[in-house]
C-alpha atoms as a PDB file:
ATOM      1  CA  VAL A   1      74.902  16.694  29.741  1.00  0.00           C
ATOM      2  CA  LEU A   2      71.250  17.409  29.101  1.00  0.00           C
ATOM      3  CA  PRO A   3      68.795  14.530  29.308  1.00  0.00           C
ATOM      4  CA  VAL A   4      66.680  14.151  26.107  1.00  0.00           C
ATOM      5  CA  ASP A   5      63.505  12.170  25.647  1.00  0.00           C
ATOM      6  CA  GLY A   6      63.222  11.027  22.016  1.00  0.00           C
ATOM      7  CA  ARG A   7      60.785   8.967  19.964  1.00  0.00           C
ATOM      8  CA  ILE A   8      60.796   7.725  16.408  1.00  0.00           C
ATOM      9  CA  ALA A   9      57.939   9.203  14.327  1.00  0.00           C
ATOM     10  CA  ARG A  10      55.951   6.691  12.276  1.00  0.00           C
ATOM     11  CA  ALA A  11      52.915   7.123  10.049  1.00  0.00           C
ATOM     12  CA  ALA A  12      49.727   5.862  11.708  1.00  0.00           C
ATOM     13  CA  PRO A  13      46.031   6.464  11.142  1.00  0.00           C
ATOM     14  CA  ARG A  14      44.693   9.371  13.081  1.00  0.00           C
ATOM     15  CA  ARG A  15      41.813   8.509  15.348  1.00  0.00           C
ATOM     16  CA  ASP A  16      39.459  11.270  16.318  1.00  0.00           C
ATOM     17  CA  ALA A  17      36.795  10.149  18.700  1.00  0.00           C
ATOM     18  CA  ILE A  18      34.273  12.109  20.649  1.00  0.00           C
ATOM     19  CA  ALA A  19      31.781  10.815  23.148  1.00  0.00           C
ATOM     20  CA  GLY A  20      28.137  11.686  22.762  1.00  0.00           C
ATOM     21  CA  SER A  21      24.700  10.405  23.507  1.00  0.00           C
ATOM     22  CA  GLY A  22      22.007   9.556  21.013  1.00  0.00           C
ATOM     23  CA  SER A  23      19.074   7.332  20.400  1.00  0.00           C
ATOM     24  CA  ALA A  24      18.165   4.499  18.074  1.00  0.00           C
ATOM     25  CA  VAL A  25      15.112   5.156  15.883  1.00  0.00           C
ATOM     26  CA  PRO A  26      13.301   2.908  13.423  1.00  0.00           C
ATOM     27  CA  ASN A  27      14.000   3.168   9.716  1.00  0.00           C
ATOM     28  CA  GLU A  28      10.291   3.710   9.026  1.00  0.00           C
ATOM     29  CA  GLU A  29       7.343   4.170  11.335  1.00  0.00           C
ATOM     30  CA  GLY A  30       3.703   5.039  10.863  1.00  0.00           C
ATOM     31  CA  ALA A  31       0.093   4.506  11.764  1.00  0.00           C
ATOM     32  CA  ILE A  32      -1.781   2.402   9.222  1.00  0.00           C
ATOM     33  CA  THR A  33      -5.110   3.877   8.095  1.00  0.00           C
ATOM     34  CA  ALA A  34      -7.824   3.003   5.581  1.00  0.00           C
ATOM     35  CA  GLU A  35      -8.396   4.990   2.372  1.00  0.00           C
ATOM     36  CA  VAL A  36     -12.125   4.296   2.280  1.00  0.00           C
ATOM     37  CA  PRO A  37     -14.829   4.104   4.943  1.00  0.00           C
ATOM     38  CA  GLY A  38     -16.514   0.849   5.873  1.00  0.00           C
ATOM     39  CA  LYS A  39     -17.377  -1.727   8.493  1.00  0.00           C
ATOM     40  CA  ILE A  40     -14.509  -4.018   9.516  1.00  0.00           C
ATOM     41  CA  THR A  41     -15.406  -7.614   8.619  1.00  0.00           C
ATOM     42  CA  ARG A  42     -12.089  -9.386   9.311  1.00  0.00           C
ATOM     43  CA  SER A  43      -8.856  -8.706  11.131  1.00  0.00           C
ATOM     44  CA  LEU A  44      -5.973 -10.467   9.372  1.00  0.00           C
ATOM     45  CA  PHE A  45      -3.141  -9.809  11.833  1.00  0.00           C
ATOM     46  CA  ARG A  46      -2.057 -10.363  15.416  1.00  0.00           C
ATOM     47  CA  GLU A  47      -0.520  -7.675  17.554  1.00  0.00           C
ATOM     48  CA  GLY A  48       3.274  -7.782  17.743  1.00  0.00           C
ATOM     49  CA  GLU A  49       3.771 -10.017  14.714  1.00  0.00           C
ATOM     50  CA  TYR A  50       6.066  -9.262  11.790  1.00  0.00           C
ATOM     51  CA  CYS A  51       4.314  -8.450   8.511  1.00  0.00           C
ATOM     52  CA  LYS A  52       5.539  -8.225   4.934  1.00  0.00           C
ATOM     53  CA  LYS A  53       5.043  -5.310   2.564  1.00  0.00           C
ATOM     54  CA  GLY A  54       1.598  -5.523   0.971  1.00  0.00           C
ATOM     55  CA  GLN A  55       0.257  -8.022   3.506  1.00  0.00           C
ATOM     56  CA  GLY A  56      -3.459  -7.600   4.211  1.00  0.00           C
ATOM     57  CA  LEU A  57      -4.212  -6.359   7.709  1.00  0.00           C
ATOM     58  CA  LEU A  58      -7.972  -5.688   7.676  1.00  0.00           C
ATOM     59  CA  GLU A  59     -10.891  -6.367   5.377  1.00  0.00           C
ATOM     60  CA  LEU A  60     -13.803  -3.956   5.056  1.00  0.00           C
ATOM     61  CA  ASP A  61     -17.302  -4.938   3.909  1.00  0.00           C
ATOM     62  CA  LYS A  62     -17.386  -5.750   0.191  1.00  0.00           C
ATOM     63  CA  ASP A  63     -20.911  -7.092  -0.352  1.00  0.00           C
ATOM     64  CA  GLU A  64     -22.324  -4.130  -2.281  1.00  0.00           C
ATOM     65  CA  LEU A  65     -19.265  -3.793  -4.511  1.00  0.00           C
ATOM     66  CA  GLN A  66     -19.188  -7.520  -5.296  1.00  0.00           C
ATOM     67  CA  ALA A  67     -22.883  -7.435  -6.221  1.00  0.00           C
ATOM     68  CA  GLU A  68     -22.227  -4.411  -8.455  1.00  0.00           C
ATOM     69  CA  ARG A  69     -19.334  -6.258 -10.114  1.00  0.00           C
ATOM     70  CA  GLU A  70     -21.510  -9.302 -10.783  1.00  0.00           C
ATOM     71  CA  ARG A  71     -24.191  -7.062 -12.322  1.00  0.00           C
ATOM     72  CA  LEU A  72     -21.582  -5.449 -14.561  1.00  0.00           C
ATOM     73  CA  VAL A  73     -20.224  -8.833 -15.679  1.00  0.00           C
ATOM     74  CA  VAL A  74     -23.722  -9.905 -16.717  1.00  0.00           C
ATOM     75  CA  GLN A  75     -24.181  -6.577 -18.528  1.00  0.00           C
ATOM     76  CA  ARG A  76     -20.828  -7.009 -20.305  1.00  0.00           C
ATOM     77  CA  ASN A  77     -21.731 -10.523 -21.449  1.00  0.00           C
ATOM     78  CA  LEU A  78     -25.047  -9.263 -22.825  1.00  0.00           C
ATOM     79  CA  ASN A  79     -23.363  -6.316 -24.566  1.00  0.00           C
ATOM     80  CA  GLU A  80     -20.744  -8.636 -26.100  1.00  0.00           C
ATOM     81  CA  LYS A  81     -23.474 -10.841 -27.579  1.00  0.00           C
ATOM     82  CA  ILE A  82     -25.290  -7.799 -28.959  1.00  0.00           C
ATOM     83  CA  ALA A  83     -22.044  -6.471 -30.455  1.00  0.00           C
ATOM     84  CA  GLU A  84     -21.292  -9.859 -32.058  1.00  0.00           C
ATOM     85  CA  ARG A  85     -24.762  -9.990 -33.611  1.00  0.00           C
ATOM     86  CA  LEU A  86     -24.495  -6.425 -34.892  1.00  0.00           C
ATOM     87  CA  GLN A  87     -21.036  -7.152 -36.312  1.00  0.00           C
ATOM     88  CA  ALA A  88     -22.435 -10.106 -38.262  1.00  0.00           C
ATOM     89  CA  LEU A  89     -25.323  -7.938 -39.489  1.00  0.00           C
ATOM     90  CA  TYR A  90     -22.927  -5.126 -40.409  1.00  0.00           C
ATOM     91  CA  GLU A  91     -20.823  -7.519 -42.486  1.00  0.00           C
ATOM     92  CA  LYS A  92     -24.017  -8.436 -44.366  1.00  0.00           C
ATOM     93  CA  GLU A  93     -24.927  -4.728 -44.563  1.00  0.00           C
ATOM     94  CA  GLY A  94     -27.953  -5.293 -42.305  1.00  0.00           C
ATOM     95  CA  VAL A  95     -27.085  -2.429 -39.897  1.00  0.00           C
ATOM     96  CA  SER A  96     -25.038   0.726 -40.105  1.00  0.00           C
ATOM     97  CA  LEU A  97     -21.446   1.021 -38.913  1.00  0.00           C
ATOM     98  CA  GLN A  98     -22.618   3.477 -36.270  1.00  0.00           C
ATOM     99  CA  ASP A  99     -24.966   0.905 -34.683  1.00  0.00           C
ATOM    100  CA  TYR A 100     -22.147  -1.636 -34.485  1.00  0.00           C
ATOM    101  CA  GLU A 101     -19.666   0.915 -33.076  1.00  0.00           C
ATOM    102  CA  VAL A 102     -22.158   2.014 -30.405  1.00  0.00           C
ATOM    103  CA  ALA A 103     -22.582  -1.616 -29.295  1.00  0.00           C
ATOM    104  CA  ALA A 104     -18.800  -2.156 -29.215  1.00  0.00           C
ATOM    105  CA  ALA A 105     -18.361   1.039 -27.196  1.00  0.00           C
ATOM    106  CA  GLU A 106     -20.941  -0.199 -24.670  1.00  0.00           C
ATOM    107  CA  VAL A 107     -18.821  -3.314 -24.130  1.00  0.00           C
ATOM    108  CA  GLU A 108     -15.719  -1.159 -23.510  1.00  0.00           C
ATOM    109  CA  LYS A 109     -17.665   1.131 -21.163  1.00  0.00           C
ATOM    110  CA  VAL A 110     -18.839  -1.786 -19.035  1.00  0.00           C
ATOM    111  CA  GLU A 111     -15.291  -3.207 -18.957  1.00  0.00           C
ATOM    112  CA  ALA A 112     -14.060   0.152 -17.664  1.00  0.00           C
ATOM    113  CA  ASP A 113     -16.792   0.106 -15.013  1.00  0.00           C
ATOM    114  CA  ILE A 114     -15.668  -3.385 -13.944  1.00  0.00           C
ATOM    115  CA  ALA A 115     -12.067  -2.146 -13.652  1.00  0.00           C
ATOM    116  CA  LEU A 116     -13.291   0.734 -11.468  1.00  0.00           C
ATOM    117  CA  VAL A 117     -15.193  -1.627  -9.167  1.00  0.00           C
ATOM    118  CA  ASP A 118     -12.123  -3.909  -8.995  1.00  0.00           C
ATOM    119  CA  ALA A 119     -10.008  -0.934  -7.864  1.00  0.00           C
ATOM    120  CA  GLN A 120     -12.617  -0.071  -5.225  1.00  0.00           C
ATOM    121  CA  LEU A 121     -12.653  -3.689  -4.034  1.00  0.00           C
ATOM    122  CA  GLU A 122      -8.859  -3.625  -3.719  1.00  0.00           C
ATOM    123  CA  LYS A 123      -9.103  -0.595  -1.440  1.00  0.00           C
ATOM    124  CA  ARG A 124     -11.414  -2.572   0.864  1.00  0.00           C
ATOM    125  CA  VAL A 125      -8.324  -4.451   2.115  1.00  0.00           C
ATOM    126  CA  VAL A 126      -6.015  -2.383   4.332  1.00  0.00           C
ATOM    127  CA  ARG A 127      -2.435  -3.417   3.496  1.00  0.00           C
ATOM    128  CA  ALA A 128       0.957  -2.820   5.096  1.00  0.00           C
ATOM    129  CA  PRO A 129       2.904  -0.186   3.090  1.00  0.00           C
ATOM    130  CA  PHE A 130       6.254  -1.609   4.219  1.00  0.00           C
ATOM    131  CA  ALA A 131       7.588  -4.621   6.126  1.00  0.00           C
ATOM    132  CA  GLY A 132       7.892  -4.328   9.880  1.00  0.00           C
ATOM    133  CA  ARG A 133       6.573  -5.165  13.326  1.00  0.00           C
ATOM    134  CA  LEU A 134       2.940  -4.412  14.132  1.00  0.00           C
ATOM    135  CA  GLY A 135       1.909  -2.647  17.325  1.00  0.00           C
ATOM    136  CA  LEU A 136      -1.353  -2.712  19.237  1.00  0.00           C
ATOM    137  CA  ARG A 137      -4.605  -3.010  17.286  1.00  0.00           C
ATOM    138  CA  MET A 138      -6.704   0.141  17.737  1.00  0.00           C
ATOM    139  CA  VAL A 139      -9.946  -1.109  16.124  1.00  0.00           C
ATOM    140  CA  SER A 140     -12.113  -4.210  16.384  1.00  0.00           C
ATOM    141  CA  GLU A 141     -14.142  -6.315  13.983  1.00  0.00           C
ATOM    142  CA  GLY A 142     -17.631  -4.944  13.469  1.00  0.00           C
ATOM    143  CA  SER A 143     -16.682  -1.323  14.104  1.00  0.00           C
ATOM    144  CA  TYR A 144     -17.030   1.361  11.439  1.00  0.00           C
ATOM    145  CA  LEU A 145     -13.726   2.637  10.098  1.00  0.00           C
ATOM    146  CA  SER A 146     -13.461   6.171   8.738  1.00  0.00           C
ATOM    147  CA  PRO A 147     -10.661   7.228   6.381  1.00  0.00           C
ATOM    148  CA  GLY A 148      -7.680   8.407   8.377  1.00  0.00           C
ATOM    149  CA  THR A 149      -8.575   6.430  11.517  1.00  0.00           C
ATOM    150  CA  ALA A 150      -5.483   4.669  12.858  1.00  0.00           C
ATOM    151  CA  VAL A 151      -5.751   0.878  12.698  1.00  0.00           C
ATOM    152  CA  VAL A 152      -2.343  -0.213  14.011  1.00  0.00           C
ATOM    153  CA  SER A 153       1.177   1.166  14.224  1.00  0.00           C
ATOM    154  CA  LEU A 154       3.887  -0.343  12.035  1.00  0.00           C
ATOM    155  CA  VAL A 155       7.612  -0.037  12.736  1.00  0.00           C
ATOM    156  CA  SER A 156      10.475  -1.124  10.477  1.00  0.00           C
ATOM    157  CA  THR A 157      13.726  -1.640  12.399  1.00  0.00           C
ATOM    158  CA  ASN A 158      15.888  -3.182   9.708  1.00  0.00           C
ATOM    159  CA  PRO A 159      18.039  -1.157   9.195  1.00  0.00           C
ATOM    160  CA  ILE A 160      17.947   0.985  12.310  1.00  0.00           C
ATOM    161  CA  LYS A 161      18.925   4.655  12.392  1.00  0.00           C
ATOM    162  CA  LEU A 162      20.952   6.464  15.031  1.00  0.00           C
ATOM    163  CA  GLU A 163      20.213  10.073  15.910  1.00  0.00           C
ATOM    164  CA  PHE A 164      22.773  12.074  17.870  1.00  0.00           C
ATOM    165  CA  ASP A 165      24.177  15.594  18.141  1.00  0.00           C
ATOM    166  CA  VAL A 166      27.779  16.606  17.544  1.00  0.00           C
ATOM    167  CA  PRO A 167      29.038  19.688  19.397  1.00  0.00           C
ATOM    168  CA  GLU A 168      29.853  22.555  17.033  1.00  0.00           C
ATOM    169  CA  LYS A 169      33.502  22.676  18.041  1.00  0.00           C
ATOM    170  CA  TYR A 170      33.968  19.180  16.543  1.00  0.00           C
ATOM    171  CA  SER A 171      32.191  19.868  13.289  1.00  0.00           C
END
């Protein structure tokens, strides 16, 4: 008599597991910088706080641009009145079509200039490109900020990524 060790074979999920080491890294990470140069007038954040995407972090000086915008608004209003008068005169055949069209084009030109100044004013606020936790502030109010100068680090940890290596023999 030979002793036999027997087992009944059943289907079961196969579990392959290997042990390895890795590290957790943030989903997104970066140093926040300004696009335009200027003097920092206000800091709108506290170190270590959570910020939302698009939240303002710093304000740069805007005085000159706001004055330019106000000048352009006054110029637009004047040009609109001139264009309205020339339109009324054109309808009565008091001026040529060209004179009226030139006045109307001046209104459109000034409106485009206002849109340009508005875009420049928007760039005077440094905003968070994504939601995350802010690090240490690297600049202070009153200092001059050059484009590309790091203001603060921003880290997004939701979701979090895992980085690890798998030995070639298991690939």
